[in-house]
Each structure stands twice: as structure tokens, then as C-alpha cells.
C-alpha atoms as a PDB file:
ATOM      1  CA  MET A   1     -12.347 -36.636   6.960  1.00  0.00           C
ATOM      2  CA  ASN A   2      -9.600 -37.322   4.447  1.00  0.00           C
ATOM      3  CA  LYS A   3      -6.661 -38.996   5.680  1.00  0.00           C
ATOM      4  CA  PRO A   4      -3.348 -37.030   4.577  1.00  0.00           C
ATOM      5  CA  TYR A   5      -1.824 -39.440   1.822  1.00  0.00           C
ATOM      6  CA  SER A   6      -5.104 -41.109   0.808  1.00  0.00           C
ATOM      7  CA  LYS A   7      -3.574 -41.458  -2.893  1.00  0.00           C
ATOM      8  CA  PRO A   8      -0.894 -43.577  -3.671  1.00  0.00           C
ATOM      9  CA  LEU A   9       0.819 -40.957  -6.005  1.00  0.00           C
ATOM     10  CA  HIS A  10       1.200 -38.597  -2.848  1.00  0.00           C
ATOM     11  CA  LEU A  11       2.592 -41.222  -0.599  1.00  0.00           C
ATOM     12  CA  TYR A  12       5.064 -42.385  -2.987  1.00  0.00           C
ATOM     13  CA  ARG A  13       6.329 -38.801  -3.198  1.00  0.00           C
ATOM     14  CA  ALA A  14       6.699 -38.055   0.072  1.00  0.00           C
ATOM     15  CA  LEU A  15       8.427 -40.896   1.614  1.00  0.00           C
ATOM     16  CA  LEU A  16      11.114 -40.474  -1.105  1.00  0.00           C
ATOM     17  CA  ARG A  17      10.993 -37.098  -0.029  1.00  0.00           C
ATOM     18  CA  GLU A  18      11.851 -37.591   3.692  1.00  0.00           C
ATOM     19  CA  ALA A  19      13.784 -40.309   2.641  1.00  0.00           C
ATOM     20  CA  SER A  20      16.401 -37.630   1.133  1.00  0.00           C
ATOM     21  CA  TYR A  21      16.790 -35.430   4.419  1.00  0.00           C
ATOM     22  CA  LEU A  22      18.188 -38.557   5.947  1.00  0.00           C
ATOM     23  CA  PHE A  23      21.361 -37.265   7.670  1.00  0.00           C
ATOM     24  CA  ASN A  24      23.138 -40.421   6.175  1.00  0.00           C
ATOM     25  CA  PRO A  25      24.048 -41.192   2.110  1.00  0.00           C
ATOM     26  CA  THR A  26      23.571 -44.779   3.159  1.00  0.00           C
ATOM     27  CA  LEU A  27      20.151 -44.576   4.825  1.00  0.00           C
ATOM     28  CA  GLN A  28      19.276 -42.516   1.766  1.00  0.00           C
ATOM     29  CA  ASP A  29      20.004 -44.894  -0.651  1.00  0.00           C
ATOM     30  CA  PHE A  30      18.541 -47.344   0.779  1.00  0.00           C
ATOM     31  CA  HIS A  31      15.285 -46.351   1.914  1.00  0.00           C
ATOM     32  CA  THR A  32      14.343 -44.740  -1.380  1.00  0.00           C
ATOM     33  CA  GLU A  33      15.528 -48.310  -2.693  1.00  0.00           C
ATOM     34  CA  HIS A  34      13.190 -49.787   0.142  1.00  0.00           C
ATOM     35  CA  ILE A  35      10.199 -47.613  -0.969  1.00  0.00           C
ATOM     36  CA  ARG A  36      10.738 -48.184  -4.769  1.00  0.00           C
ATOM     37  CA  TRP A  37      10.692 -51.812  -4.264  1.00  0.00           C
ATOM     38  CA  SER A  38       7.262 -51.533  -1.840  1.00  0.00           C
ATOM     39  CA  PHE A  39       5.263 -49.752  -4.634  1.00  0.00           C
ATOM     40  CA  ARG A  40       6.808 -51.901  -7.850  1.00  0.00           C
ATOM     41  CA  ARG A  41       6.132 -55.355  -5.508  1.00  0.00           C
ATOM     42  CA  GLN A  42       2.513 -53.918  -5.297  1.00  0.00           C
ATOM     43  CA  LEU A  43       2.480 -53.389  -9.115  1.00  0.00           C
ATOM     44  CA  SER A  44       3.046 -57.072  -9.999  1.00  0.00           C
ATOM     45  CA  PRO A  45       0.521 -59.106 -11.515  1.00  0.00           C
ATOM     46  CA  THR A  46       1.087 -61.727  -9.122  1.00  0.00           C
ATOM     47  CA  LYS A  47       0.440 -59.548  -6.229  1.00  0.00           C
ATOM     48  CA  LEU A  48      -2.182 -58.053  -8.172  1.00  0.00           C
ATOM     49  CA  SER A  49      -3.953 -61.605  -8.801  1.00  0.00           C
ATOM     50  CA  ARG A  50      -3.650 -62.592  -4.409  1.00  0.00           C
ATOM     51  CA  HIS A  51      -5.885 -59.515  -3.607  1.00  0.00           C
ATOM     52  CA  ARG A  52      -8.198 -58.955  -6.313  1.00  0.00           C
ATOM     53  CA  ALA A  53     -11.255 -56.248  -5.843  1.00  0.00           C
ATOM     54  CA  PRO A  54     -14.141 -57.465  -4.778  1.00  0.00           C
ATOM     55  CA  ALA A  55     -17.340 -57.988  -6.653  1.00  0.00           C
ATOM     56  CA  VAL A  56     -19.077 -55.145  -5.803  1.00  0.00           C
ATOM     57  CA  SER A  57     -17.161 -52.044  -4.919  1.00  0.00           C
ATOM     58  CA  ILE A  58     -17.854 -48.155  -3.970  1.00  0.00           C
ATOM     59  CA  PRO A  59     -16.624 -46.025  -6.861  1.00  0.00           C
ATOM     60  CA  GLY A  60     -14.053 -43.662  -5.800  1.00  0.00           C
ATOM     61  CA  LEU A  61     -12.905 -45.596  -2.549  1.00  0.00           C
ATOM     62  CA  PRO A  62      -9.863 -47.797  -2.024  1.00  0.00           C
ATOM     63  CA  THR A  63     -10.415 -51.565  -1.474  1.00  0.00           C
ATOM     64  CA  GLN A  64      -9.798 -53.383   1.438  1.00  0.00           C
ATOM     65  CA  TYR A  65      -6.503 -54.499   0.393  1.00  0.00           C
ATOM     66  CA  GLU A  66      -5.377 -50.778  -0.763  1.00  0.00           C
ATOM     67  CA  SER A  67      -6.703 -49.156   2.901  1.00  0.00           C
ATOM     68  CA  GLN A  68      -4.259 -51.143   4.047  1.00  0.00           C
ATOM     69  CA  GLN A  69      -1.289 -50.875   1.909  1.00  0.00           C
ATOM     70  CA  LEU A  70      -1.706 -47.009   2.262  1.00  0.00           C
ATOM     71  CA  ARG A  71      -2.200 -47.437   6.072  1.00  0.00           C
ATOM     72  CA  ARG A  72       1.262 -48.868   6.150  1.00  0.00           C
ATOM     73  CA  GLY A  73       2.663 -46.762   3.550  1.00  0.00           C
ATOM     74  CA  ARG A  74       1.751 -43.947   6.264  1.00  0.00           C
ATOM     75  CA  HIS A  75       3.212 -45.715   9.204  1.00  0.00           C
ATOM     76  CA  TYR A  76       6.539 -46.191   7.425  1.00  0.00           C
ATOM     77  CA  LEU A  77       6.064 -41.957   5.964  1.00  0.00           C
ATOM     78  CA  TYR A  78       5.568 -41.210   9.725  1.00  0.00           C
ATOM     79  CA  ILE A  79       8.524 -43.319  11.373  1.00  0.00           C
ATOM     80  CA  LEU A  80      10.668 -41.494   8.681  1.00  0.00           C
ATOM     81  CA  GLN A  81       9.478 -37.759   9.935  1.00  0.00           C
ATOM     82  CA  ARG A  82      10.036 -38.477  13.850  1.00  0.00           C
ATOM     83  CA  ALA A  83      12.917 -39.691  11.975  1.00  0.00           C
ATOM     84  CA  ASN A  84      13.791 -36.182  10.721  1.00  0.00           C
ATOM     85  CA  GLN A  85      12.642 -34.622  13.517  1.00  0.00           C
ATOM     86  CA  GLY A  86      15.540 -36.668  16.621  1.00  0.00           C
ATOM     87  CA  TYR A  87      13.503 -39.077  17.918  1.00  0.00           C
ATOM     88  CA  ARG A  88      15.702 -41.983  19.370  1.00  0.00           C
ATOM     89  CA  GLY A  89      13.102 -44.715  18.563  1.00  0.00           C
ATOM     90  CA  ALA A  90      12.220 -43.947  15.150  1.00  0.00           C
ATOM     91  CA  LEU A  91      16.337 -43.338  14.398  1.00  0.00           C
ATOM     92  CA  GLY A  92      17.168 -46.632  15.872  1.00  0.00           C
ATOM     93  CA  ASN A  93      14.241 -48.739  13.669  1.00  0.00           C
ATOM     94  CA  VAL A  94      15.952 -46.544  10.197  1.00  0.00           C
ATOM     95  CA  LEU A  95      19.459 -46.860  10.959  1.00  0.00           C
ATOM     96  CA  LYS A  96      18.630 -51.020  11.612  1.00  0.00           C
ATOM     97  CA  MET A  97      16.493 -51.102   8.835  1.00  0.00           C
ATOM     98  CA  ALA A  98      19.391 -49.982   6.724  1.00  0.00           C
ATOM     99  CA  TYR A  99      22.063 -51.848   7.971  1.00  0.00           C
ATOM    100  CA  ALA A 100      20.505 -55.557   8.406  1.00  0.00           C
ATOM    101  CA  ARG A 101      19.991 -55.676  12.080  1.00  0.00           C
ATOM    102  CA  LYS A 102      15.825 -56.011  11.132  1.00  0.00           C
ATOM    103  CA  GLY A 103      13.884 -55.982   8.526  1.00  0.00           C
ATOM    104  CA  LYS A 104      14.307 -57.847   4.935  1.00  0.00           C
ATOM    105  CA  ARG A 105      17.842 -57.823   4.656  1.00  0.00           C
ATOM    106  CA  ARG A 106      18.408 -59.208   7.957  1.00  0.00           C
ATOM    107  CA  ARG A 107      16.298 -61.922   6.903  1.00  0.00           C
ATOM    108  CA  ALA A 108      18.538 -62.468   3.532  1.00  0.00           C
ATOM    109  CA  LEU A 109      21.655 -62.855   5.453  1.00  0.00           C
ATOM    110  CA  LEU A 110      20.193 -65.589   8.155  1.00  0.00           C
ATOM    111  CA  ARG A 111      19.119 -67.602   4.926  1.00  0.00           C
ATOM    112  CA  GLU A 112      22.883 -68.118   4.100  1.00  0.00           C
ATOM    113  CA  ILE A 113      24.279 -68.455   8.033  1.00  0.00           C
ATOM    114  CA  MET A 114      21.172 -71.054   8.167  1.00  0.00           C
ATOM    115  CA  ALA A 115      22.561 -72.862   4.748  1.00  0.00           C
ATOM    116  CA  PRO A 116      23.657 -76.104   5.419  1.00  0.00           C
ATOM    117  CA  ASP A 117      27.569 -76.784   5.264  1.00  0.00           C
ATOM    118  CA  PRO A 118      29.180 -77.396   1.765  1.00  0.00           C
ATOM    119  CA  ASP A 119      30.959 -80.505   3.517  1.00  0.00           C
ATOM    120  CA  ALA A 120      28.205 -82.450   4.954  1.00  0.00           C
ATOM    121  CA  SER A 121      26.847 -85.627   4.756  1.00  0.00           C
ATOM    122  CA  GLU A 122      24.243 -86.307   2.329  1.00  0.00           C
ATOM    123  CA  SER A 123      22.277 -88.591   5.045  1.00  0.00           C
ATOM    124  CA  SER A 124      22.340 -84.912   7.594  1.00  0.00           C
ATOM    125  CA  LEU A 125      20.998 -83.436   4.174  1.00  0.00           C
ATOM    126  CA  SER A 126      18.019 -85.531   4.131  1.00  0.00           C
ATOM    127  CA  PRO A 127      14.722 -84.726   5.337  1.00  0.00           C
ATOM    128  CA  ALA A 128      13.886 -87.302   7.656  1.00  0.00           C
ATOM    129  CA  SER A 129      17.085 -86.643   9.333  1.00  0.00           C
ATOM    130  CA  ALA A 130      16.342 -83.306   9.980  1.00  0.00           C
ATOM    131  CA  PHE A 131      16.053 -81.740  13.523  1.00  0.00           C
ATOM    132  CA  SER A 132      16.748 -85.195  14.759  1.00  0.00           C
ATOM    133  CA  GLU A 133      19.252 -86.197  17.714  1.00  0.00           C
ATOM    134  CA  GLU A 134      21.647 -86.646  15.805  1.00  0.00           C
ATOM    135  CA  TRP A 135      20.999 -82.924  14.326  1.00  0.00           C
ATOM    136  CA  GLN A 136      22.859 -80.175  14.702  1.00  0.00           C
ATOM    137  CA  PRO A 137      22.832 -76.319  12.965  1.00  0.00           C
ATOM    138  CA  PRO A 138      25.376 -75.194  10.717  1.00  0.00           C
ATOM    139  CA  ALA A 139      29.107 -74.472  11.526  1.00  0.00           C
ATOM    140  CA  LYS A 140      28.657 -70.963  11.477  1.00  0.00           C
ATOM    141  CA  PHE A 141      25.888 -70.380  13.002  1.00  0.00           C
ATOM    142  CA  ASN A 142      27.075 -72.015  15.789  1.00  0.00           C
ATOM    143  CA  MET A 143      30.252 -70.073  15.964  1.00  0.00           C
ATOM    144  CA  LEU A 144      27.835 -66.560  15.924  1.00  0.00           C
ATOM    145  CA  LEU A 145      25.421 -67.843  18.311  1.00  0.00           C
ATOM    146  CA  LYS A 146      28.410 -69.094  21.015  1.00  0.00           C
ATOM    147  CA  LYS A 147      30.150 -65.264  20.518  1.00  0.00           C
ATOM    148  CA  GLN A 148      26.843 -64.017  20.843  1.00  0.00           C
ATOM    149  CA  ARG A 149      26.284 -65.894  24.378  1.00  0.00           C
ATOM    150  CA  GLY A 150      29.159 -64.257  26.378  1.00  0.00           C
ATOM    151  CA  ILE A 151      27.977 -60.720  25.446  1.00  0.00           C
ATOM    152  CA  HIS A 152      23.923 -60.528  25.118  1.00  0.00           C
ATOM    153  CA  THR A 153      23.326 -58.917  28.395  1.00  0.00           C
ATOM    154  CA  TYR A 154      25.425 -55.535  26.291  1.00  0.00           C
ATOM    155  CA  LEU A 155      23.167 -56.198  23.480  1.00  0.00           C
ATOM    156  CA  ASP A 156      19.283 -54.313  23.603  1.00  0.00           C
ATOM    157  CA  ARG A 157      17.792 -58.002  22.022  1.00  0.00           C
ATOM    158  CA  GLY A 158      15.323 -59.541  24.650  1.00  0.00           C
ATOM    159  CA  GLY A 159      15.318 -63.496  25.458  1.00  0.00           C
ATOM    160  CA  THR A 160      18.786 -65.849  27.216  1.00  0.00           C
ATOM    161  CA  ILE A 161      20.776 -68.060  24.698  1.00  0.00           C
ATOM    162  CA  LYS A 162      20.635 -71.521  25.630  1.00  0.00           C
ATOM    163  CA  PRO A 163      22.163 -74.446  24.532  1.00  0.00           C
ATOM    164  CA  MET A 164      20.682 -77.196  22.391  1.00  0.00           C
ATOM    165  CA  PRO A 165      18.290 -78.930  24.663  1.00  0.00           C
ATOM    166  CA  LYS A 166      18.529 -82.591  25.733  1.00  0.00           C
ATOM    167  CA  ILE A 167      16.160 -84.907  24.392  1.00  0.00           C
ATOM    168  CA  PRO A 168      15.620 -87.881  27.933  1.00  0.00           C
ATOM    169  CA  ALA A 169      15.728 -91.652  26.811  1.00  0.00           C
ATOM    170  CA  LYS A 170      12.267 -91.497  28.120  1.00  0.00           C
ATOM    171  CA  ASN A 171       9.056 -89.595  28.201  1.00  0.00           C
ATOM    172  CA  LYS A 172       7.063 -89.134  32.417  1.00  0.00           C
ATOM    173  CA  SER A 173       5.211 -92.351  31.230  1.00  0.00           C
ATOM    174  CA  GLY A 174       8.098 -94.834  31.188  1.00  0.00           C
ATOM    175  CA  LYS A 175       7.847 -94.772  27.642  1.00  0.00           C
ATOM    176  CA  PRO A 176      10.471 -93.823  24.860  1.00  0.00           C
ATOM    177  CA  PHE A 177      10.537 -90.646  23.466  1.00  0.00           C
ATOM    178  CA  PRO A 178       8.513 -89.656  20.988  1.00  0.00           C
ATOM    179  CA  GLN A 179      10.651 -88.802  17.480  1.00  0.00           C
ATOM    180  CA  ARG A 180       7.633 -86.705  16.815  1.00  0.00           C
ATOM    181  CA  ARG A 181       8.568 -84.679  19.945  1.00  0.00           C
ATOM    182  CA  VAL A 182      12.485 -84.656  19.675  1.00  0.00           C
ATOM    183  CA  LYS A 183      11.789 -82.495  16.091  1.00  0.00           C
ATOM    184  CA  ASN A 184       9.193 -80.133  17.371  1.00  0.00           C
ATOM    185  CA  ILE A 185      11.552 -79.248  20.250  1.00  0.00           C
ATOM    186  CA  ILE A 186      14.820 -78.778  18.174  1.00  0.00           C
ATOM    187  CA  LYS A 187      12.993 -76.900  15.437  1.00  0.00           C
ATOM    188  CA  ALA A 188      11.306 -74.658  18.349  1.00  0.00           C
ATOM    189  CA  TRP A 189      15.071 -74.059  19.756  1.00  0.00           C
ATOM    190  CA  TYR A 190      16.262 -73.919  16.432  1.00  0.00           C
ATOM    191  CA  ALA A 191      13.571 -70.402  15.619  1.00  0.00           C
ATOM    192  CA  LYS A 192      13.956 -68.832  18.759  1.00  0.00           C
ATOM    193  CA  HIS A 193      17.832 -68.472  18.571  1.00  0.00           C
ATOM    194  CA  ALA A 194      17.785 -67.628  14.208  1.00  0.00           C
ATOM    195  CA  ASN A 195      15.096 -64.683  15.728  1.00  0.00           C
ATOM    196  CA  LEU A 196      17.773 -63.779  18.681  1.00  0.00           C
ATOM    197  CA  LEU A 197      20.185 -64.237  16.339  1.00  0.00           C
ATOM    198  CA  LEU A 198      22.123 -60.996  14.548  1.00  0.00           C
ATOM    199  CA  PRO A 199      24.073 -61.641  11.349  1.00  0.00           C
ATOM    200  CA  PRO A 200      27.471 -60.080  10.713  1.00  0.00           C
ATOM    201  CA  LEU A 201      27.967 -57.268   7.683  1.00  0.00           C
ATOM    202  CA  SER A 202      30.964 -58.138   5.152  1.00  0.00           C
ATOM    203  CA  GLU A 203      34.509 -56.487   6.570  1.00  0.00           C
ATOM    204  CA  GLU A 204      34.096 -53.613   4.287  1.00  0.00           C
ATOM    205  CA  GLU A 205      31.042 -52.394   5.474  1.00  0.00           C
ATOM    206  CA  TRP A 206      31.459 -53.144   8.795  1.00  0.00           C
ATOM    207  CA  LEU A 207      34.756 -50.650   8.844  1.00  0.00           C
ATOM    208  CA  LYS A 208      32.855 -48.426   7.050  1.00  0.00           C
ATOM    209  CA  VAL A 209      30.319 -47.850   9.693  1.00  0.00           C
ATOM    210  CA  TYR A 210      32.800 -47.766  12.446  1.00  0.00           C
ATOM    211  CA  LYS A 211      34.600 -44.863  10.192  1.00  0.00           C
ATOM    212  CA  THR A 212      31.298 -43.046  10.316  1.00  0.00           C
ATOM    213  CA  GLY A 213      30.439 -44.062  14.387  1.00  0.00           C
ATOM    214  CA  THR A 214      33.880 -42.810  15.251  1.00  0.00           C
ATOM    215  CA  ASP A 215      34.818 -39.213  13.552  1.00  0.00           C
ATOM    216  CA  GLY A 216      30.955 -38.803  11.831  1.00  0.00           C
ATOM    217  CA  LYS A 217      32.640 -37.350   8.712  1.00  0.00           C
ATOM    218  CA  GLU A 218      30.146 -39.799   6.585  1.00  0.00           C
ATOM    219  CA  ASN A 219      27.484 -38.215   7.797  1.00  0.00           C
ATOM    220  CA  PRO A 220      26.961 -34.245   5.677  1.00  0.00           C
ATOM    221  CA  ARG A 221      24.049 -33.465   7.959  1.00  0.00           C
ATOM    222  CA  GLN A 222      25.329 -31.328  10.829  1.00  0.00           C
ATOM    223  CA  ALA A 223      23.712 -29.208  13.168  1.00  0.00           C
ATOM    224  CA  THR A 224      24.132 -26.228  10.688  1.00  0.00           C
ATOM    225  CA  SER A 225      21.886 -28.169   8.023  1.00  0.00           C
ATOM    226  CA  ALA A 226      18.062 -27.808   9.142  1.00  0.00           C
ATOM    227  CA  ARG A 227      15.011 -28.097   7.576  1.00  0.00           C
ATOM    228  CA  ARG A 228      13.218 -25.518   6.802  1.00  0.00           C
ATOM    229  CA  PRO A 229      10.460 -24.814   9.450  1.00  0.00           C
ATOM    230  CA  VAL A 230       7.102 -25.338   9.054  1.00  0.00           C
ATOM    231  CA  ALA A 231       4.497 -22.602   8.777  1.00  0.00           C
ATOM    232  CA  THR A 232       2.269 -21.506  11.504  1.00  0.00           C
ATOM    233  CA  VAL A 233       0.211 -19.032   9.707  1.00  0.00           C
ATOM    234  CA  SER A 234      -1.291 -19.194   6.438  1.00  0.00           C
ATOM    235  CA  VAL A 235      -0.345 -16.943   3.683  1.00  0.00           C
ATOM    236  CA  PHE A 236      -3.402 -16.181   2.451  1.00  0.00           C
ATOM    237  CA  ALA A 237      -4.911 -15.079   6.209  1.00  0.00           C
ATOM    238  CA  LEU A 238      -6.523 -11.764   6.387  1.00  0.00           C
ATOM    239  CA  PRO A 239      -5.146  -8.950   9.112  1.00  0.00           C
ATOM    240  CA  ASN A 240      -8.668  -9.065  10.832  1.00  0.00           C
ATOM    241  CA  THR A 241      -8.472 -13.316  11.255  1.00  0.00           C
ATOM    242  CA  PRO A 242      -7.661 -14.365  14.828  1.00  0.00           C
ATOM    243  CA  GLY A 243      -4.210 -16.266  13.942  1.00  0.00           C
ATOM    244  CA  THR A 244      -2.423 -13.095  12.909  1.00  0.00           C
ATOM    245  CA  ARG A 245      -1.100  -9.651  14.124  1.00  0.00           C
ATOM    246  CA  GLU A 246      -0.437  -6.389  13.109  1.00  0.00           C
ATOM    247  CA  VAL A 247       3.657  -5.964  12.460  1.00  0.00           C
ATOM    248  CA  THR A 248       5.758  -2.327  12.998  1.00  0.00           C
ATOM    249  CA  HIS A 249       8.782  -3.383  13.144  1.00  0.00           C
ATOM    250  CA  PHE A 250      11.072  -5.861  11.541  1.00  0.00           C
ATOM    251  CA  HIS A 251      11.958  -6.735  14.804  1.00  0.00           C
ATOM    252  CA  ASP A 252       8.101  -8.134  15.956  1.00  0.00           C
ATOM    253  CA  ILE A 253       8.385 -10.953  12.973  1.00  0.00           C
ATOM    254  CA  LEU A 254      11.706 -12.227  15.193  1.00  0.00           C
ATOM    255  CA  THR A 255      10.241 -12.406  18.281  1.00  0.00           C
ATOM    256  CA  PRO A 256       7.617 -14.874  18.295  1.00  0.00           C
ATOM    257  CA  SER A 257       3.669 -14.117  19.413  1.00  0.00           C
ATOM    258  CA  PRO A 258       2.486 -15.656  22.434  1.00  0.00           C
ATOM    259  CA  GLN A 259      -0.486 -17.509  20.710  1.00  0.00           C
ATOM    260  CA  LEU A 260       1.687 -18.847  18.488  1.00  0.00           C
ATOM    261  CA  THR A 261       3.582 -20.559  20.384  1.00  0.00           C
ATOM    262  CA  LYS A 262       3.822 -24.797  20.785  1.00  0.00           C
ATOM    263  CA  PRO A 263       1.765 -26.318  23.299  1.00  0.00           C
ATOM    264  CA  LYS A 264       3.426 -28.720  25.836  1.00  0.00           C
ATOM    265  CA  VAL A 265       3.641 -31.616  25.628  1.00  0.00           C
ATOM    266  CA  PRO A 266       1.812 -34.091  28.183  1.00  0.00           C
ATOM    267  CA  ASN A 267       4.350 -36.531  29.768  1.00  0.00           C
ATOM    268  CA  ARG A 268       2.107 -39.466  29.466  1.00  0.00           C
ATOM    269  CA  ILE A 269       2.988 -38.787  25.499  1.00  0.00           C
ATOM    270  CA  ARG A 270       6.370 -38.431  25.705  1.00  0.00           C
ATOM    271  CA  LYS A 271       6.674 -41.806  27.532  1.00  0.00           C
ATOM    272  CA  ILE A 272       4.962 -42.772  24.737  1.00  0.00           C
ATOM    273  CA  ILE A 273       6.991 -41.160  21.955  1.00  0.00           C
ATOM    274  CA  GLY A 274      10.745 -40.129  23.156  1.00  0.00           C
ATOM    275  CA  ASN A 275      11.206 -36.640  23.044  1.00  0.00           C
ATOM    276  CA  PRO A 276      12.683 -35.021  20.117  1.00  0.00           C
ATOM    277  CA  HIS A 277      16.619 -34.701  20.155  1.00  0.00           C
ATOM    278  CA  LYS A 278      19.049 -31.696  18.149  1.00  0.00           C
ATOM    279  CA  MET A 279      20.630 -33.383  15.338  1.00  0.00           C
ATOM    280  CA  THR A 280      24.268 -32.782  16.438  1.00  0.00           C
ATOM    281  CA  PRO A 281      27.299 -35.006  15.378  1.00  0.00           C
ATOM    282  CA  ARG A 282      28.084 -35.821  18.427  1.00  0.00           C
ATOM    283  CA  PHE A 283      24.208 -37.162  18.826  1.00  0.00           C
ATOM    284  CA  LEU A 284      24.808 -39.158  15.352  1.00  0.00           C
ATOM    285  CA  ARG A 285      28.083 -40.397  16.440  1.00  0.00           C
ATOM    286  CA  ARG A 286      27.014 -42.059  19.664  1.00  0.00           C
ATOM    287  CA  ILE A 287      23.210 -42.957  18.159  1.00  0.00           C
ATOM    288  CA  MET A 288      25.237 -45.144  15.173  1.00  0.00           C
ATOM    289  CA  LEU A 289      27.681 -46.147  18.127  1.00  0.00           C
ATOM    290  CA  ARG A 290      25.642 -47.264  20.481  1.00  0.00           C
ATOM    291  CA  THR A 291      22.451 -49.232  17.647  1.00  0.00           C
ATOM    292  CA  VAL A 292      24.942 -50.476  14.944  1.00  0.00           C
ATOM    293  CA  ILE A 293      28.337 -51.006  16.039  1.00  0.00           C
ATOM    294  CA  GLN A 294      27.466 -52.739  19.554  1.00  0.00           C
ATOM    295  CA  ASN A 295      25.029 -55.186  18.307  1.00  0.00           C
ATOM    296  CA  THR A 296      26.620 -55.532  14.672  1.00  0.00           C
ATOM    297  CA  PRO A 297      29.652 -58.211  14.338  1.00  0.00           C
ATOM    298  CA  VAL A 298      32.198 -58.610  11.819  1.00  0.00           C
ATOM    299  CA  ILE A 299      34.232 -62.427  10.622  1.00  0.00           C
ATOM    300  CA  LEU A 300      37.330 -62.332  10.367  1.00  0.00           C
ATOM    301  CA  ALA A 301      39.270 -65.243   8.841  1.00  0.00           C
ATOM    302  CA  ASP A 302      42.860 -65.985  11.348  1.00  0.00           C
ATOM    303  CA  THR A 303      45.906 -66.531   8.938  1.00  0.00           C
ATOM    304  CA  HIS A 304      47.359 -69.051  10.627  1.00  0.00           C
ATOM    305  CA  SER A 305      44.611 -72.065  11.827  1.00  0.00           C
ATOM    306  CA  GLY A 306      42.231 -70.629   8.771  1.00  0.00           C
ATOM    307  CA  LYS A 307      39.080 -71.054  10.630  1.00  0.00           C
ATOM    308  CA  LEU A 308      36.620 -68.239  10.889  1.00  0.00           C
ATOM    309  CA  ALA A 309      35.962 -65.877  14.372  1.00  0.00           C
ATOM    310  CA  SER A 310      33.677 -63.425  14.748  1.00  0.00           C
ATOM    311  CA  ARG A 311      34.546 -59.653  16.529  1.00  0.00           C
ATOM    312  CA  TRP A 312      32.305 -57.402  18.981  1.00  0.00           C
ATOM    313  CA  ASP A 313      32.884 -53.944  19.720  1.00  0.00           C
ATOM    314  CA  ALA A 314      31.302 -52.476  22.795  1.00  0.00           C
ATOM    315  CA  ALA A 315      30.024 -48.823  21.784  1.00  0.00           C
ATOM    316  CA  GLY A 316      30.452 -47.649  25.596  1.00  0.00           C
ATOM    317  CA  THR A 317      32.233 -48.746  28.718  1.00  0.00           C
ATOM    318  CA  LYS A 318      31.423 -51.287  30.351  1.00  0.00           C
ATOM    319  CA  ARG A 319      29.156 -52.327  32.383  1.00  0.00           C
ATOM    320  CA  TYR A 320      30.897 -52.280  36.355  1.00  0.00           C
ATOM    321  CA  GLU A 321      30.981 -55.304  38.500  1.00  0.00           C
ATOM    322  CA  PRO A 322      31.411 -56.085  42.294  1.00  0.00           C
ATOM    323  CA  GLY A 323      35.193 -57.864  41.829  1.00  0.00           C
ATOM    324  CA  LYS A 324      35.851 -60.654  44.070  1.00  0.00           C
ATOM    325  CA  ILE A 325      35.954 -60.660  47.875  1.00  0.00           C
ATOM    326  CA  SER A 326      39.463 -61.943  50.057  1.00  0.00           C
ATOM    327  CA  GLU A 327      38.567 -63.683  53.062  1.00  0.00           C
ATOM    328  CA  SER A 328      40.380 -60.495  54.700  1.00  0.00           C
ATOM    329  CA  GLN A 329      37.406 -58.252  53.693  1.00  0.00           C
ATOM    330  CA  LYS A 330      35.283 -61.005  54.677  1.00  0.00           C
ATOM    331  CA  LEU A 331      36.599 -60.635  57.911  1.00  0.00           C
ATOM    332  CA  LEU A 332      36.537 -56.875  58.364  1.00  0.00           C
ATOM    333  CA  LEU A 333      32.480 -56.659  57.392  1.00  0.00           C
ATOM    334  CA  PHE A 334      31.706 -58.093  60.860  1.00  0.00           C
ATOM    335  CA  ASP A 335      34.265 -56.504  62.834  1.00  0.00           C
END
């Protein structure tokens, strides 16, 4: 059985076509460029030299590396299809990739944040002093991590943000703590919290996203602009075939046939892939607020002190927390 889109050209066209159906121009531009970059990257000489075809290959069949890349492309295509159909999980992944919440764009922003400070001393930049007891992360990294620690419960990323570990003077045997273990502990802490950190967007881009999530004017695709429905009966089917029915009036075409109704999706499948949602303006605004704005800080400069500060905006109402009980209320509990 042939898999769908088993040829690279067919898969490339299908990906570009599906990316053009996204509801936001920013999403369309990002995913179109990402698809083109991914296919051009496979045509580079260095990429082809690393993954050469085996000495004995079957003619007419792709190599193992080509099959893996085609499978990744089909998986990306299915994500775009489910996002256009209104599935929350797929639509959230598409938004996170475009707005640097995950993927290669997020990694590019993290490299800038994790770069050493320009005013740091030369001794701190040496490889020998990296991840030692006196080593400190970059100032921008510390500022964002400290601000994110206060609102980490409202984000959709797992893990707890903790301060830098304190290195004991001696180990359990009473000997001095080895420097190799010190370097490994601090390096593991730095890598874990770099994975938890959400990099900020520029003020111009953040304001554009905020405007899109609040009024939705940047979303041209509304509830009225739906996609063409997929045909359920072959256009070459004969009248005597079991998949067709005789049409006597024009109203018979508008009424769905009992044989052509979609089967009910089991609950176990719904738990895995979710339920599709209508692409209404309200749904698009709310998913932009919860997925992007709530998980995206913006860096602002204080005009008085000149220091940098990050700003977070919650997408919805805050969680209710119990208040502190007074002494009189404590006595009333046992009456």
C-alpha cells in the first residue's frame, strides 16, 4: 500500500497549500518560509554528503534517510491540517512555532540571551572558569528567570524554577568537593532552566500580537470563510453503485443521506486528538491570548534607572487563592 505524499514534490506542494489556509498572515509567512528552508536544507551538498545512499539500494524505492524525512514531512502536514480544522493542540503548536515559544526561532532567541555579557571580565570568559562556584549566568538570563519564577504557576510549561544550587565545602567522605562535580551540577542547572525559560519578543512584535489577541483585526479568516468541503462520493460513480442515491428534487441534494453521515468518533480517540472547534473570531482571539501572550514577556527599559525589566500579561482572570484568616474567624470555626 502506497503512503500518501510518498514523493517529495507532492509533499512540498501539499505543505505549502496547507500553510496558505492558516488564519493569520504571520503564521502563513512563517510556516511557508519554514517549509522552503527545510526542503532547501536537504538539497545542500553538506547534508547530502552526511547521509549518502547505501551501496546496495533497491531501484524505485527511497533510502532509509529519505523515508525518515518524508515521514517527518507528513507529520508536519497532518499538524497543519488539524490546525486548520480547529484542533486546539495542533493550533497551539503552530502558534508556538511562529511566535518563538518552541522550535528553531526560540533557540535563536535563547542564544542571544545566553551570550556572555559584553562588560564581563576576561577571567569569567575563560573556559576554565565556566560553571565554577564564582560563575554567574548572564544578567539578562537572571532577570528573565527571576521574573518568570513569580508567575510560573500561570504558564503552560512543566518544571519548577529553582535558584542556583549551593555547593557544599566537603562531600560525604569529608574530602573537599571535587571541581568536576561542581561543574556538572551548575551546568545541569543552567541547561534545565534554559529549557524552561521563555524568551521575550521585541516590543513592536509583542504589541502586534497583543492587538491581534484583543481585537482580532489581524485575523482575516473569520467564521464565514470556510474551506471547501471534501467530497464524500466519487464523481465517477455510477447510479447503480452502492455509494450513490437517486436524486429526484433539488432539495434532495441539500439533505444529507443516512449512508453518507460521518461515523461517531470513540471517546478514547477524542482524548488523544481532541475535538475540532469552529474557527470563530472569539476562539481565535482566546487561543492567541492563552498560547502566545500569556507565555511571552516583553523587555522594557526604565526611563529613570535605565535598567531593563520584563512585563507579563495574563490572558484571563487570575486563579482564586484563599485569603488569610483572622483571629475572630478562627474562633468561629469551633463554635
